Amino acid sequence: MATLTIRDLDDDLTAELRVRAANHGRSVEAEVREILHAALTRPAPGTGMGTRIRRRFAVSDDLSLEPPARTERARAAELPE
């Protein structure tokens, strides 16, 4: 195991670490280890939403849609004054 020394840590940050550690029932050192572990061992991000949508609809043979028939003429929007 390695030892890590962090110099010139901001006093406010140190106080926040103490509070966070106390809330989790850990020492400050254990809390920092947990924070580093969580930050550095995250699983690789999955595919994005656009990719998932494209894959979902790629299996369909034909997704062409007919626009609905217009029954009335388009008119300008009416905005409140």
Foldseek 3Di string as FASTA:
>chain_A
DDDDDDPPDDPVVLVVLCVVQVVVVHHSVVSVVVVVCCVPPDDDDDDDPVVVVCVVCVPDDDDDDDDDDDPDDDDDDDDDD
